[in-house]
Amino acid sequence: MVSGETAVGQLAKAAGLSYSAVSQHLAILREAGLVESRRKGRHQLYRLEPGPLSEVHAWAGRYERFWRNRLGRLKRLVETTR
């Protein structure tokens, strides 16, 4: 698990992806406002910007009870039909 400011190389290693693939993903996440970056020497450091994700979490949370009930019913149905 990686936390805090992290260089692309560390993220690539942790994710098991190429440096190039991680850089491309980070560029998209930066454009979306989900990560911020800063240069430190030769390294570009990235960190999560949780604000936009908090909004998504709050929106999705409104549907949590609905899906929990539905999935609970589906589980019971599957268990009784075995």
Protein backbone atom coordinates (compact mmCIF):
# COMPACT_ATOMS: atom_id res chain seq x y z
CA MET A 1 0.00 0.00 0.00
CA VAL A 2 1.32 3.41 -0.95
CA SER A 3 0.29 6.56 0.91
CA GLY A 4 1.19 10.22 0.96
CA GLU A 5 3.20 11.83 -1.80
CA THR A 6 4.61 9.16 -4.06
CA ALA A 7 6.82 9.07 -7.13
CA VAL A 8 5.58 7.45 -10.33
CA GLY A 9 8.17 4.69 -10.06
CA GLN A 10 6.93 3.67 -6.61
CA LEU A 11 3.33 3.66 -7.82
CA ALA A 12 4.27 1.57 -10.86
CA LYS A 13 6.07 -0.98 -8.69
CA ALA A 14 3.19 -1.19 -6.19
CA ALA A 15 0.61 -1.59 -8.97
CA GLY A 16 2.67 -4.01 -11.05
CA LEU A 17 2.34 -1.75 -14.08
CA SER A 18 4.83 -0.06 -16.36
CA TYR A 19 6.06 3.45 -15.60
CA SER A 20 4.47 4.62 -18.85
CA ALA A 21 1.05 3.13 -18.02
CA VAL A 22 1.03 4.70 -14.56
CA SER A 23 2.10 8.08 -15.99
CA GLN A 24 -0.77 7.98 -18.47
CA HIS A 25 -3.28 7.12 -15.75
CA LEU A 26 -1.96 9.86 -13.50
CA ALA A 27 -2.25 12.44 -16.29
CA ILE A 28 -5.95 11.60 -16.64
CA LEU A 29 -6.49 11.65 -12.88
CA ARG A 30 -4.71 15.03 -12.67
CA GLU A 31 -6.94 16.47 -15.41
CA ALA A 32 -9.98 15.22 -13.47
CA GLY A 33 -8.72 16.92 -10.31
CA LEU A 34 -8.32 13.62 -8.43
CA VAL A 35 -4.55 13.88 -7.91
CA GLU A 36 -2.12 16.76 -7.57
CA SER A 37 1.55 16.71 -8.44
CA ARG A 38 4.71 18.62 -7.69
CA ARG A 39 8.29 18.30 -8.82
CA LYS A 40 11.01 17.46 -6.31
CA GLY A 41 14.38 17.28 -7.99
CA ARG A 42 14.14 14.76 -10.80
CA HIS A 43 10.96 13.19 -9.42
CA GLN A 44 7.34 14.07 -10.00
CA LEU A 45 5.44 13.37 -6.77
CA TYR A 46 1.71 12.68 -6.75
CA ARG A 47 -0.86 12.76 -4.00
CA LEU A 48 -4.57 12.05 -3.86
CA GLU A 49 -6.95 15.01 -3.85
CA PRO A 50 -9.89 13.57 -1.87
CA GLY A 51 -12.39 16.41 -2.38
CA PRO A 52 -13.93 15.19 -5.65
CA LEU A 53 -13.99 11.61 -4.36
CA SER A 54 -15.88 12.76 -1.27
CA GLU A 55 -18.61 14.11 -3.53
CA VAL A 56 -18.85 10.78 -5.39
CA HIS A 57 -18.93 8.89 -2.09
CA ALA A 58 -21.75 11.08 -0.77
CA TRP A 59 -23.76 10.63 -3.99
CA ALA A 60 -23.25 6.85 -4.07
CA GLY A 61 -24.06 6.59 -0.37
CA ARG A 62 -27.64 7.56 -1.09
CA TYR A 63 -28.05 4.25 -2.91
CA GLU A 64 -26.26 2.07 -0.36
CA ARG A 65 -29.35 1.02 1.61
CA PHE A 66 -31.25 0.23 -1.61
CA TRP A 67 -28.50 -2.03 -2.94
CA ARG A 68 -27.78 -3.63 0.43
CA ASN A 69 -31.44 -4.72 0.65
CA ARG A 70 -31.51 -5.97 -2.94
CA LEU A 71 -28.23 -7.86 -2.65
CA GLY A 72 -29.33 -9.35 0.68
CA ARG A 73 -32.51 -10.65 -0.96
CA LEU A 74 -30.54 -12.02 -3.91
CA LYS A 75 -28.17 -13.82 -1.55
CA ARG A 76 -31.06 -15.44 0.34
CA LEU A 77 -32.69 -16.48 -2.95
CA VAL A 78 -29.49 -18.08 -4.22
CA GLU A 79 -28.95 -19.90 -0.92
CA THR A 80 -32.50 -21.31 -0.88
CA THR A 81 -32.37 -22.51 -4.49
CA ARG A 82 -29.16 -24.53 -4.04
